[in-house]
Amino acid sequence: MPFASPRLTRSQWRAHTVNDAQTLWVVGGKHCDEQLLGALHDGALDMDALRAVTGHFAAILMGPAETVLVEDPIRSFPLFYSVAGGDVAVSDDALVLTGVAQDYVADFDSRIEFRHSAYVAGSNTLYAGVKQVQAGELVTLTPDGGVTSTVYRRNRYTGLDISETEAVDAHFTDALHTSMSRFLKHANGRQIVVPLSGGLDSRLLSVYLKEVGYQNVVNFTYGVGRTREVSISESVAAALGQKWLFCAYEEETIKEAWDSPETAEFIKYTHASASLPHIQDWYAVRWLKQEGLVEDDAIFLPGHTIVGNMHDEQILDAESVSPDQIKELILQHHYTLQPDNSHATTNSRLHATIERFLGDIGYDGSVVSRLTALEYWNVRERQTKYINNSLRNYEFFGYDWALPMLDREVYLAWGDLHHSVTRNRDWYEGYVNRRYAVATGQEIGTFAATKISQGKRDAVKNVLRRAGLLGLAERTITARAVQNHPMGFNWFATGLDSKELFRYTRSGGNLLGAYADHFLTDTWNSHCRLFTAPLSDD
């Protein structure tokens, strides 16, 4: 049976005739097209050439004998496929493949994962029978329903001993400059919009734009009132001489905007079959659009980066770390959104997914292998499926985006650095602060939730720990903070009143866990029906 044409919903796909029998579709940066066409040899994609492609893209190579689906290393533009019943179907929208409005079938294991992590791991999606192409993966489909997967690009550490501060600075700067220069050539004077927080990543991007003299820049920040983070962001923009906009979050206005038919479409578009919609700057981007505060062809430049994806760095100093210990660290770090996470941490399919992942990377217990396992899982799963999927927000409102700090040169440079550097963000914090000081002649800190010294915090924790009260105290502090979130995120827990939210978070729940439950039960927005029957008009 011949392949049906891909059911593509994005208007940005570009088709290239390879030969009489094959067509290559590409979406993403236009400079990717030539590179991907150049990676074709005798009608097949060369893996080495594919690994060398820069920019962000997804591609479909279709011929009579096979269809090949390709995701870039960060799953910039999600692709889905189904081979149910022997029919092979491909789309850039999972809902096209599900017939969800008529005969939605849940993937039970995926729903468990989603409730506890806000994404679905591996190639699975929330929809039974529908698969996603993973970051850096090439999937080959044959007309008889055959599926072959090849991971052509994953996080690698070269083992180079680049650890001295000056050498690290120079190596990372060269890579960032190459990536940013390519982006600015593409931008060609178009307005660049930076979501500027009180942290490091977005500040580095704004500093770079200042250093190279790019003029058409807008920074924006959002939140409930003039918090310390807002003040830092405003100060950074002022020191750089760049335009700064502030979107004030007000509960009544946001709740009204959230429970609307438009937002129901936003939820459908942005969940990409396996991800909790990322609502953090949804209202701010909506506000920028409605108020005409940014240009129609603006490019949003969020600070997503390869830096800082490591966790539990103490394992790098351990004498030995088994695969089971790595698996437990992944479960304990990523599957913690509900008060009781045992349904996720004991799920056999999830265990098998992590074990298969460790086998695929050749985990051997070495220090570099430990670093690779934890960081690459974080990049491939949470970073790609939750953090980077926030890009759907900009697309929903009609804007382009760019991620130069997740382009090829930067993530390769990060992999060249010694693990004493990549184990945490200490070097990176100093690097950003040094560049900021040179660019502005000023020094400024980063946003922190409290000014209490680490020594005092540790002393208080020790007292509470000896009394057996540390866990309860920490959960109570978190619950109070959630009730008065500086970005109003508590307002999006639409199914819980203030007291219920306090009890939920004090018992160990996370706001994202509450969002996930609302999402899966179609109670997050009264107009959205992804998983349940439409409401009656009666």
Protein backbone atom coordinates (compact mmCIF):
# COMPACT_ATOMS: atom_id res chain seq x y z
CA MET A 1 0.00 0.00 0.00
CA PRO A 2 1.54 3.40 -0.96
CA PHE A 3 2.05 6.10 1.64
CA ALA A 4 -0.56 8.79 2.07
CA SER A 5 0.85 12.32 1.93
CA PRO A 6 1.81 13.80 5.31
CA ARG A 7 -1.11 15.59 6.90
CA LEU A 8 0.66 18.86 7.64
CA THR A 9 -1.12 21.74 9.37
CA ARG A 10 1.66 24.34 9.54
CA SER A 11 1.75 26.72 6.60
CA GLN A 12 5.54 27.10 6.93
CA TRP A 13 6.44 23.69 5.47
CA ARG A 14 8.58 23.90 2.33
CA ALA A 15 8.62 21.06 -0.23
CA HIS A 16 11.72 20.15 -2.28
CA THR A 17 11.77 17.63 -5.09
CA VAL A 18 14.74 15.33 -4.49
CA ASN A 19 14.20 13.07 -7.52
CA ASP A 20 11.31 11.57 -9.45
CA ALA A 21 10.32 9.44 -6.47
CA GLN A 22 11.23 11.48 -3.36
CA THR A 23 10.15 14.75 -1.78
CA LEU A 24 11.75 16.48 1.20
CA TRP A 25 9.58 18.67 3.43
CA VAL A 26 11.31 21.04 5.85
CA VAL A 27 10.00 23.42 8.50
CA GLY A 28 12.16 25.79 10.55
CA GLY A 29 15.07 28.01 9.59
CA LYS A 30 15.33 28.37 5.82
CA HIS A 31 19.10 27.88 5.95
CA CYS A 32 18.38 24.32 7.13
CA ASP A 33 16.93 23.35 3.74
CA GLU A 34 20.22 23.52 1.85
CA GLN A 35 22.03 21.64 4.62
CA LEU A 36 19.44 18.86 4.67
CA LEU A 37 19.41 18.55 0.90
CA GLY A 38 23.20 18.37 1.06
CA ALA A 39 22.94 15.57 3.62
CA LEU A 40 21.16 13.38 1.04
CA HIS A 41 23.28 10.81 -0.75
CA ASP A 42 21.60 8.46 -3.21
CA GLY A 43 18.24 9.31 -1.70
CA ALA A 44 19.27 8.58 1.91
CA LEU A 45 20.23 10.89 4.75
CA ASP A 46 23.88 10.63 5.80
CA MET A 47 24.13 10.56 9.61
CA ASP A 48 27.40 12.48 9.83
CA ALA A 49 26.05 15.22 7.57
CA LEU A 50 22.81 15.30 9.54
CA ARG A 51 24.72 15.80 12.79
CA ALA A 52 26.44 18.81 11.24
CA VAL A 53 23.19 20.67 10.43
CA THR A 54 22.84 23.97 12.30
CA GLY A 55 19.60 25.68 13.20
CA HIS A 56 16.24 24.32 14.25
CA PHE A 57 14.05 22.19 12.03
CA ALA A 58 11.91 19.15 11.43
CA ALA A 59 11.98 17.24 8.14
CA ILE A 60 10.07 14.53 6.28
CA LEU A 61 11.68 12.61 3.43
CA MET A 62 9.00 10.72 1.53
CA GLY A 63 9.45 8.08 -1.12
CA PRO A 64 7.64 4.98 -2.39
CA ALA A 65 9.57 2.52 -0.19
CA GLU A 66 9.85 4.49 3.04
CA THR A 67 9.08 7.75 4.81
CA VAL A 68 11.77 9.20 7.08
CA LEU A 69 10.90 11.61 9.89
CA VAL A 70 13.67 13.75 11.38
CA GLU A 71 13.68 15.90 14.51
CA ASP A 72 16.46 18.31 15.35
CA PRO A 73 18.28 17.82 18.69
CA ILE A 74 15.67 19.81 20.66
CA ARG A 75 12.40 18.69 18.96
CA SER A 76 11.76 22.24 17.74
CA PHE A 77 8.75 21.31 15.61
CA PRO A 78 6.95 18.17 16.88
CA LEU A 79 6.21 15.31 14.47
CA PHE A 80 3.83 12.40 15.03
CA TYR A 81 3.08 9.10 13.38
CA SER A 82 0.67 6.22 13.67
CA VAL A 83 0.83 2.69 12.28
CA ALA A 84 -2.40 1.46 13.85
CA GLY A 85 -4.28 -1.12 11.83
CA GLY A 86 -1.55 -1.26 9.22
CA ASP A 87 -2.29 2.27 8.02
CA VAL A 88 0.77 4.52 8.21
CA ALA A 89 -0.03 8.18 8.89
CA VAL A 90 2.20 11.19 9.55
CA SER A 91 1.33 14.67 10.81
CA ASP A 92 2.66 17.69 12.67
CA ASP A 93 -0.50 17.63 14.81
CA ALA A 94 -1.26 14.58 16.95
CA LEU A 95 -4.96 15.41 17.02
CA VAL A 96 -5.10 14.88 13.26
CA LEU A 97 -4.04 11.27 13.85
CA THR A 98 -6.35 10.52 16.77
CA GLY A 99 -9.77 11.47 15.55
CA VAL A 100 -9.90 12.73 19.12
CA ALA A 101 -13.26 14.44 18.80
CA GLN A 102 -14.93 11.15 17.86
CA ASP A 103 -13.02 8.22 19.31
CA TYR A 104 -10.30 9.37 21.68
CA VAL A 105 -8.46 6.50 23.34
CA ALA A 106 -6.33 7.29 26.37
CA ASP A 107 -2.87 5.92 26.97
CA PHE A 108 -3.18 5.06 30.65
CA ASP A 109 0.56 4.82 31.39
CA SER A 110 1.14 8.15 29.66
CA ARG A 111 -1.48 9.84 31.81
CA ILE A 112 0.28 8.54 34.93
CA GLU A 113 3.62 9.96 33.74
CA PHE A 114 2.01 13.24 32.76
CA ARG A 115 0.33 13.79 36.15
CA HIS A 116 3.66 13.40 37.91
CA SER A 117 6.06 15.14 35.50
CA ALA A 118 4.06 17.36 33.07
CA TYR A 119 5.30 15.41 30.03
CA VAL A 120 5.35 11.92 28.53
CA ALA A 121 8.73 10.22 28.19
CA GLY A 122 10.18 8.50 25.15
CA SER A 123 8.17 8.14 21.95
CA ASN A 124 4.81 7.77 23.69
CA THR A 125 2.07 10.40 23.71
CA LEU A 126 -1.14 10.93 25.62
CA TYR A 127 -2.98 9.22 22.78
CA ALA A 128 -2.91 5.45 22.34
CA GLY A 129 -1.43 4.47 18.99
CA VAL A 130 0.12 7.87 18.29
CA LYS A 131 3.90 8.21 18.64
CA GLN A 132 6.16 11.26 18.69
CA VAL A 133 9.56 11.59 17.08
CA GLN A 134 12.06 12.31 19.84
CA ALA A 135 14.75 14.97 19.95
CA GLY A 136 17.68 14.08 17.66
CA GLU A 137 15.85 11.05 16.31
CA LEU A 138 15.32 9.70 12.79
CA VAL A 139 12.31 7.39 12.37
CA THR A 140 11.90 5.30 9.22
CA LEU A 141 8.41 4.05 8.34
CA THR A 142 7.59 1.46 5.69
CA PRO A 143 4.20 0.97 3.99
CA ASP A 144 3.61 -2.32 5.82
CA GLY A 145 3.80 -0.57 9.22
CA GLY A 146 7.49 -1.17 9.94
CA VAL A 147 9.16 1.32 12.28
CA THR A 148 12.91 1.78 12.73
CA SER A 149 14.42 4.40 15.04
CA THR A 150 17.92 5.88 14.97
CA VAL A 151 19.16 8.51 17.42
CA TYR A 152 21.60 10.49 15.30
CA ARG A 153 22.36 13.21 17.86
CA ARG A 154 22.50 13.03 21.64
CA ASN A 155 24.41 14.88 24.34
CA ARG A 156 28.06 13.91 24.25
CA TYR A 157 31.03 14.89 26.38
CA THR A 158 34.33 14.92 24.57
CA GLY A 159 36.51 14.51 27.63
CA LEU A 160 38.50 17.65 26.81
CA ASP A 161 40.07 19.14 29.92
CA ILE A 162 38.86 22.71 29.44
CA SER A 163 38.48 23.93 32.99
CA GLU A 164 40.51 27.11 33.52
CA THR A 165 38.17 30.11 33.68
CA GLU A 166 39.79 32.08 30.85
CA ALA A 167 39.84 29.05 28.55
CA VAL A 168 36.22 28.17 29.38
CA ASP A 169 35.14 31.78 28.80
CA ALA A 170 36.88 31.90 25.43
CA HIS A 171 35.56 28.51 24.27
CA PHE A 172 31.97 29.28 25.20
CA THR A 173 32.16 32.84 23.84
CA ASP A 174 33.36 31.63 20.44
CA ALA A 175 30.47 29.18 20.19
CA LEU A 176 27.88 31.69 21.34
CA HIS A 177 29.21 34.29 18.91
CA THR A 178 28.93 31.90 15.98
CA SER A 179 25.38 30.93 16.86
CA MET A 180 24.24 34.49 17.61
CA SER A 181 25.87 35.88 14.48
CA ARG A 182 23.95 33.41 12.35
CA PHE A 183 20.72 34.36 14.13
CA LEU A 184 21.31 38.11 13.73
CA LYS A 185 22.00 37.65 10.03
CA HIS A 186 18.60 35.99 9.78
CA ALA A 187 16.94 38.69 11.94
CA ASN A 188 18.32 41.38 9.61
CA GLY A 189 17.03 44.30 11.66
CA ARG A 190 13.69 42.76 12.66
CA GLN A 191 12.57 43.48 16.19
CA ILE A 192 13.97 41.06 18.78
CA VAL A 193 11.83 40.55 21.89
CA VAL A 194 13.53 39.14 25.00
CA PRO A 195 11.47 37.80 27.94
CA LEU A 196 13.79 39.33 30.54
CA SER A 197 13.78 37.72 33.98
CA GLY A 198 15.89 38.46 37.02
CA GLY A 199 18.14 35.52 36.18
CA LEU A 200 21.10 34.82 33.92
CA ASP A 201 20.03 33.37 30.57
CA SER A 202 17.89 36.17 29.20
CA ARG A 203 20.34 38.72 30.59
CA LEU A 204 23.17 37.16 28.59
CA LEU A 205 21.14 37.49 25.38
CA SER A 206 20.33 41.15 26.06
CA VAL A 207 23.97 41.82 26.91
CA TYR A 208 25.08 40.25 23.62
CA LEU A 209 22.61 42.39 21.66
CA LYS A 210 24.02 45.46 23.43
CA GLU A 211 27.62 44.42 22.68
CA VAL A 212 27.02 44.07 18.94
CA GLY A 213 24.94 47.24 18.73
CA TYR A 214 21.65 45.67 17.66
CA GLN A 215 19.11 48.48 17.99
CA ASN A 216 15.65 47.02 17.53
CA VAL A 217 15.34 45.28 20.91
CA VAL A 218 12.44 45.08 23.35
CA ASN A 219 12.71 43.44 26.76
CA PHE A 220 9.57 42.56 28.69
CA THR A 221 8.89 41.33 32.19
CA TYR A 222 5.66 40.35 33.93
CA GLY A 223 4.37 39.61 37.39
CA VAL A 224 2.22 40.63 40.31
CA GLY A 225 3.48 44.07 41.29
CA ARG A 226 7.02 45.39 41.49
CA THR A 227 8.79 42.36 42.90
CA ARG A 228 12.55 42.15 43.32
CA GLU A 229 12.79 40.14 40.09
CA VAL A 230 10.88 42.83 38.21
CA SER A 231 13.14 45.54 39.67
CA ILE A 232 16.28 43.67 38.62
CA SER A 233 14.93 43.19 35.09
CA GLU A 234 14.08 46.86 34.77
CA SER A 235 17.54 47.82 36.04
CA VAL A 236 19.23 45.49 33.55
CA ALA A 237 17.31 46.92 30.60
CA ALA A 238 18.05 50.48 31.74
CA ALA A 239 21.76 49.76 32.14
CA LEU A 240 21.85 48.27 28.64
CA GLY A 241 19.92 51.20 27.19
CA GLN A 242 17.19 48.91 25.85
CA LYS A 243 13.42 49.31 25.81
CA TRP A 244 11.62 47.59 28.67
CA LEU A 245 7.93 46.79 29.06
CA PHE A 246 6.15 45.52 32.14
CA CYS A 247 2.94 43.49 32.04
CA ALA A 248 1.14 43.66 35.38
CA TYR A 249 -0.64 40.42 36.24
CA GLU A 250 -4.04 41.02 37.88
CA GLU A 251 -6.12 38.11 39.09
CA GLU A 252 -9.56 39.05 37.78
CA THR A 253 -8.28 40.04 34.33
CA ILE A 254 -6.15 36.93 33.91
CA LYS A 255 -8.89 34.54 35.08
CA GLU A 256 -11.34 36.10 32.64
CA ALA A 257 -8.87 35.85 29.77
CA TRP A 258 -7.96 32.26 30.66
CA ASP A 259 -11.51 30.93 30.62
CA SER A 260 -12.21 31.85 27.02
CA PRO A 261 -12.66 30.01 23.70
CA GLU A 262 -9.40 31.55 22.45
CA THR A 263 -7.51 30.02 25.36
CA ALA A 264 -9.11 26.64 24.67
CA GLU A 265 -7.50 26.78 21.23
CA PHE A 266 -4.22 27.82 22.87
CA ILE A 267 -4.33 24.73 25.12
CA LYS A 268 -5.06 22.41 22.18
CA TYR A 269 -2.25 23.88 20.08
CA THR A 270 0.43 24.09 22.73
CA HIS A 271 0.16 20.67 24.38
CA ALA A 272 1.83 18.94 21.39
CA SER A 273 0.41 15.55 22.44
CA ALA A 274 2.82 14.97 25.33
CA SER A 275 3.40 18.27 27.15
CA LEU A 276 1.64 20.38 29.71
CA PRO A 277 0.96 23.74 28.01
CA HIS A 278 3.50 26.26 29.27
CA ILE A 279 1.48 29.19 30.60
CA GLN A 280 4.21 31.28 32.23
CA ASP A 281 4.30 34.16 29.75
CA TRP A 282 1.04 33.36 27.93
CA TYR A 283 -0.78 36.43 29.25
CA ALA A 284 2.18 38.75 28.73
CA VAL A 285 2.59 37.74 25.06
CA ARG A 286 -1.16 38.05 24.57
CA TRP A 287 -0.97 41.55 26.07
CA LEU A 288 1.94 42.56 23.84
CA LYS A 289 -0.05 41.38 20.82
CA GLN A 290 -3.35 43.01 21.75
CA GLU A 291 -1.77 46.33 22.70
CA GLY A 292 0.39 46.45 19.57
CA LEU A 293 3.52 46.86 21.68
CA VAL A 294 5.75 44.71 19.47
CA GLU A 295 6.05 44.54 15.71
CA ASP A 296 4.08 41.93 13.79
CA ASP A 297 7.23 40.27 12.45
CA ALA A 298 9.06 40.34 15.79
CA ILE A 299 11.25 37.40 16.78
CA PHE A 300 10.99 36.20 20.38
CA LEU A 301 14.33 35.26 21.93
CA PRO A 302 13.84 33.31 25.19
CA GLY A 303 16.85 32.31 27.26
CA HIS A 304 16.52 28.54 26.92
CA THR A 305 20.01 27.06 27.06
CA ILE A 306 21.99 23.85 27.28
CA VAL A 307 23.62 25.20 30.46
CA GLY A 308 22.31 23.99 33.80
CA ASN A 309 20.52 20.76 32.91
CA MET A 310 22.51 18.73 35.44
CA HIS A 311 21.09 17.85 38.86
CA ASP A 312 22.23 15.82 41.87
CA GLU A 313 25.82 16.81 41.14
CA GLN A 314 27.07 15.01 44.25
CA ILE A 315 26.96 11.70 42.35
CA LEU A 316 29.96 12.86 40.32
CA ASP A 317 32.05 12.53 43.49
CA ALA A 318 30.75 9.09 44.49
CA GLU A 319 33.02 6.06 44.25
CA SER A 320 30.50 4.21 42.08
CA VAL A 321 26.97 4.75 40.82
CA SER A 322 24.92 1.87 39.43
CA PRO A 323 22.31 2.13 36.65
CA ASP A 324 19.59 1.54 39.25
CA GLN A 325 20.84 4.49 41.28
CA ILE A 326 20.74 6.70 38.19
CA LYS A 327 17.22 5.51 37.47
CA GLU A 328 16.13 6.39 41.00
CA LEU A 329 17.65 9.88 40.71
CA ILE A 330 15.73 10.47 37.47
CA LEU A 331 12.49 9.29 39.09
CA GLN A 332 13.05 11.39 42.22
CA HIS A 333 13.93 14.51 40.25
CA HIS A 334 11.32 14.44 37.50
CA TYR A 335 8.31 12.56 38.87
CA THR A 336 7.42 14.59 41.96
CA LEU A 337 4.42 16.78 41.08
CA GLN A 338 1.78 14.99 43.17
CA PRO A 339 1.55 14.49 46.95
CA ASP A 340 1.86 10.74 46.35
CA ASN A 341 4.13 9.93 43.41
CA SER A 342 4.22 6.16 43.86
CA HIS A 343 2.01 5.52 40.82
CA ALA A 344 4.72 7.02 38.61
CA THR A 345 7.82 5.78 40.39
CA THR A 346 6.58 2.18 40.33
CA ASN A 347 5.19 2.26 36.78
CA SER A 348 6.73 -0.63 34.83
CA ARG A 349 6.62 1.08 31.43
CA LEU A 350 8.39 4.15 32.79
CA HIS A 351 11.05 1.97 34.41
CA ALA A 352 11.55 0.19 31.08
CA THR A 353 11.81 3.54 29.25
CA ILE A 354 14.56 4.77 31.60
CA GLU A 355 16.40 1.44 31.46
CA ARG A 356 16.28 1.47 27.66
CA PHE A 357 17.58 5.05 27.71
CA LEU A 358 20.54 4.07 29.90
CA GLY A 359 21.30 1.20 27.55
CA ASP A 360 21.11 3.46 24.51
CA ILE A 361 23.70 5.86 25.95
CA GLY A 362 25.95 3.00 27.02
CA TYR A 363 25.92 3.89 30.70
CA ASP A 364 29.10 2.49 32.23
CA GLY A 365 29.24 4.17 35.65
CA SER A 366 32.05 6.61 34.76
CA VAL A 367 31.83 10.23 35.86
CA VAL A 368 31.18 11.40 32.30
CA SER A 369 28.53 8.70 31.91
CA ARG A 370 26.77 9.87 35.08
CA LEU A 371 26.78 13.44 33.83
CA THR A 372 25.52 12.37 30.42
CA ALA A 373 22.69 10.28 31.86
CA LEU A 374 21.19 12.94 34.11
CA GLU A 375 21.77 15.91 31.84
CA TYR A 376 20.71 14.21 28.62
CA TRP A 377 17.49 12.85 30.13
CA ASN A 378 16.70 16.36 31.36
CA VAL A 379 17.46 17.86 27.94
CA ARG A 380 15.64 15.18 25.93
CA GLU A 381 12.59 15.01 28.15
CA ARG A 382 11.79 17.97 30.42
CA GLN A 383 13.74 20.66 28.56
CA THR A 384 12.49 19.56 25.16
CA LYS A 385 8.92 18.64 26.01
CA TYR A 386 8.04 21.21 28.67
CA ILE A 387 10.48 24.13 28.65
CA ASN A 388 11.16 24.37 24.91
CA ASN A 389 7.55 23.58 24.12
CA SER A 390 6.78 27.05 25.47
CA LEU A 391 7.74 28.18 21.96
CA ARG A 392 4.25 27.09 20.89
CA ASN A 393 3.04 30.15 22.81
CA TYR A 394 4.85 32.56 20.48
CA GLU A 395 3.69 30.61 17.43
CA PHE A 396 0.08 30.70 18.64
CA PHE A 397 0.15 34.49 18.60
CA GLY A 398 1.81 34.56 15.19
CA TYR A 399 5.43 35.29 16.12
CA ASP A 400 8.73 33.68 15.16
CA TRP A 401 11.25 32.52 17.76
CA ALA A 402 14.95 31.66 17.99
CA LEU A 403 17.06 29.59 20.39
CA PRO A 404 20.72 30.38 19.65
CA MET A 405 21.83 29.08 23.06
CA LEU A 406 20.49 25.68 22.04
CA ASP A 407 22.04 25.64 18.60
CA ARG A 408 24.74 23.22 17.50
CA GLU A 409 27.90 25.18 18.32
CA VAL A 410 26.77 26.04 21.85
CA TYR A 411 25.71 22.58 22.93
CA LEU A 412 28.88 21.08 21.42
CA ALA A 413 31.00 23.65 23.26
CA TRP A 414 29.25 22.78 26.51
CA GLY A 415 30.12 19.14 25.92
CA ASP A 416 33.80 20.06 25.50
CA LEU A 417 34.07 21.49 29.00
CA HIS A 418 35.39 19.54 31.97
CA HIS A 419 32.76 18.11 34.29
CA SER A 420 34.03 20.36 37.08
CA VAL A 421 32.49 23.19 35.03
CA THR A 422 29.35 21.55 33.65
CA ARG A 423 28.27 19.97 36.94
CA ASN A 424 26.45 23.19 37.96
CA ARG A 425 25.92 26.83 36.96
CA ASP A 426 28.66 28.39 39.11
CA TRP A 427 31.01 29.17 36.23
CA TYR A 428 28.11 30.37 34.09
CA GLU A 429 26.89 32.81 36.73
CA GLY A 430 30.33 34.37 36.92
CA TYR A 431 30.58 34.45 33.12
CA VAL A 432 27.27 36.29 32.66
CA ASN A 433 28.06 38.72 35.47
CA ARG A 434 31.49 39.48 33.96
CA ARG A 435 30.00 40.20 30.54
CA TYR A 436 27.28 42.34 32.08
CA ALA A 437 29.81 44.37 34.08
CA VAL A 438 31.92 45.02 30.97
CA ALA A 439 28.87 46.00 28.89
CA THR A 440 27.35 48.34 31.48
CA GLY A 441 30.08 49.29 33.93
CA GLN A 442 27.78 48.01 36.67
CA GLU A 443 27.41 44.92 38.81
CA ILE A 444 24.06 43.43 39.71
CA GLY A 445 22.89 40.26 41.41
CA THR A 446 20.27 37.77 40.36
CA PHE A 447 16.81 37.23 41.69
CA ALA A 448 16.67 35.11 44.86
CA ALA A 449 13.65 34.26 46.95
CA THR A 450 15.29 35.20 50.23
CA LYS A 451 18.21 37.23 51.54
CA ILE A 452 18.88 34.86 54.45
CA SER A 453 22.42 33.52 54.33
CA GLN A 454 23.03 29.89 53.44
CA GLY A 455 24.66 29.35 56.83
CA LYS A 456 21.60 30.52 58.71
CA ARG A 457 19.29 28.45 56.51
CA ASP A 458 21.40 25.34 57.16
CA ALA A 459 21.37 25.95 60.91
CA VAL A 460 17.58 26.29 61.01
CA LYS A 461 17.21 23.17 58.86
CA ASN A 462 19.40 21.16 61.22
CA VAL A 463 17.24 22.14 64.20
CA LEU A 464 14.03 21.23 62.38
CA ARG A 465 15.52 17.99 61.07
CA ARG A 466 16.46 16.85 64.60
CA ALA A 467 12.89 17.62 65.70
CA GLY A 468 11.45 15.67 62.79
CA LEU A 469 9.73 18.78 61.45
CA LEU A 470 11.89 19.74 58.48
CA GLY A 471 9.68 18.19 55.79
CA LEU A 472 6.49 19.75 57.15
CA ALA A 473 8.16 23.13 57.61
CA GLU A 474 9.50 23.15 54.05
CA ARG A 475 6.13 22.12 52.61
CA THR A 476 4.34 24.79 54.66
CA ILE A 477 6.73 27.51 53.45
CA THR A 478 6.23 26.33 49.87
CA ALA A 479 2.45 26.29 50.28
CA ARG A 480 2.45 29.86 51.62
CA ALA A 481 4.68 30.98 48.75
CA VAL A 482 2.38 29.35 46.20
CA GLN A 483 -0.63 31.16 47.66
CA ASN A 484 1.13 34.47 46.98
CA HIS A 485 3.09 33.62 43.86
CA PRO A 486 4.90 36.68 42.38
CA MET A 487 3.68 35.68 38.92
CA GLY A 488 0.15 34.74 39.94
CA PHE A 489 0.64 31.09 39.00
CA ASN A 490 -1.73 30.11 41.82
CA TRP A 491 -4.56 31.69 39.80
CA PHE A 492 -4.18 29.02 37.12
CA ALA A 493 -5.02 26.20 39.56
CA THR A 494 -8.61 26.75 38.52
CA GLY A 495 -10.06 23.67 40.21
CA LEU A 496 -8.79 24.55 43.69
CA ASP A 497 -9.74 27.42 45.95
CA SER A 498 -7.09 29.07 48.13
CA LYS A 499 -7.53 26.70 51.08
CA GLU A 500 -7.57 23.60 48.88
CA LEU A 501 -4.43 24.76 47.07
CA PHE A 502 -2.68 25.32 50.40
CA ARG A 503 -3.56 21.81 51.59
CA TYR A 504 -2.52 20.33 48.25
CA THR A 505 0.91 21.98 48.18
CA ARG A 506 1.57 21.49 51.91
CA SER A 507 0.98 17.76 51.42
CA GLY A 508 3.72 17.76 48.76
CA GLY A 509 1.85 18.68 45.59
CA ASN A 510 3.26 21.03 42.97
CA LEU A 511 1.39 23.67 40.98
CA LEU A 512 2.30 21.88 37.77
CA GLY A 513 0.71 18.76 39.20
CA ALA A 514 -2.52 20.67 39.80
CA TYR A 515 -2.38 22.07 36.26
CA ALA A 516 -1.80 18.56 34.88
CA ASP A 517 -4.87 17.22 36.64
CA HIS A 518 -7.01 20.11 35.38
CA PHE A 519 -5.68 19.57 31.87
CA LEU A 520 -6.36 15.83 31.80
CA THR A 521 -9.91 16.26 33.13
CA ASP A 522 -10.78 19.19 30.83
CA THR A 523 -11.42 21.44 33.83
CA TRP A 524 -8.59 23.92 33.19
CA ASN A 525 -10.68 25.89 30.72
CA SER A 526 -14.44 25.43 30.43
CA HIS A 527 -14.34 25.58 26.61
CA CYS A 528 -11.61 22.97 26.05
CA ARG A 529 -12.62 19.36 25.44
CA LEU A 530 -9.56 17.29 24.58
CA PHE A 531 -10.31 14.20 26.65
CA THR A 532 -14.01 14.31 27.51
CA ALA A 533 -17.25 14.67 25.58
CA PRO A 534 -18.35 18.21 24.67
CA LEU A 535 -20.70 19.86 27.14
CA SER A 536 -24.36 19.83 26.26
CA ASP A 537 -25.89 23.06 25.00
CA ASP A 538 -28.95 22.39 27.18
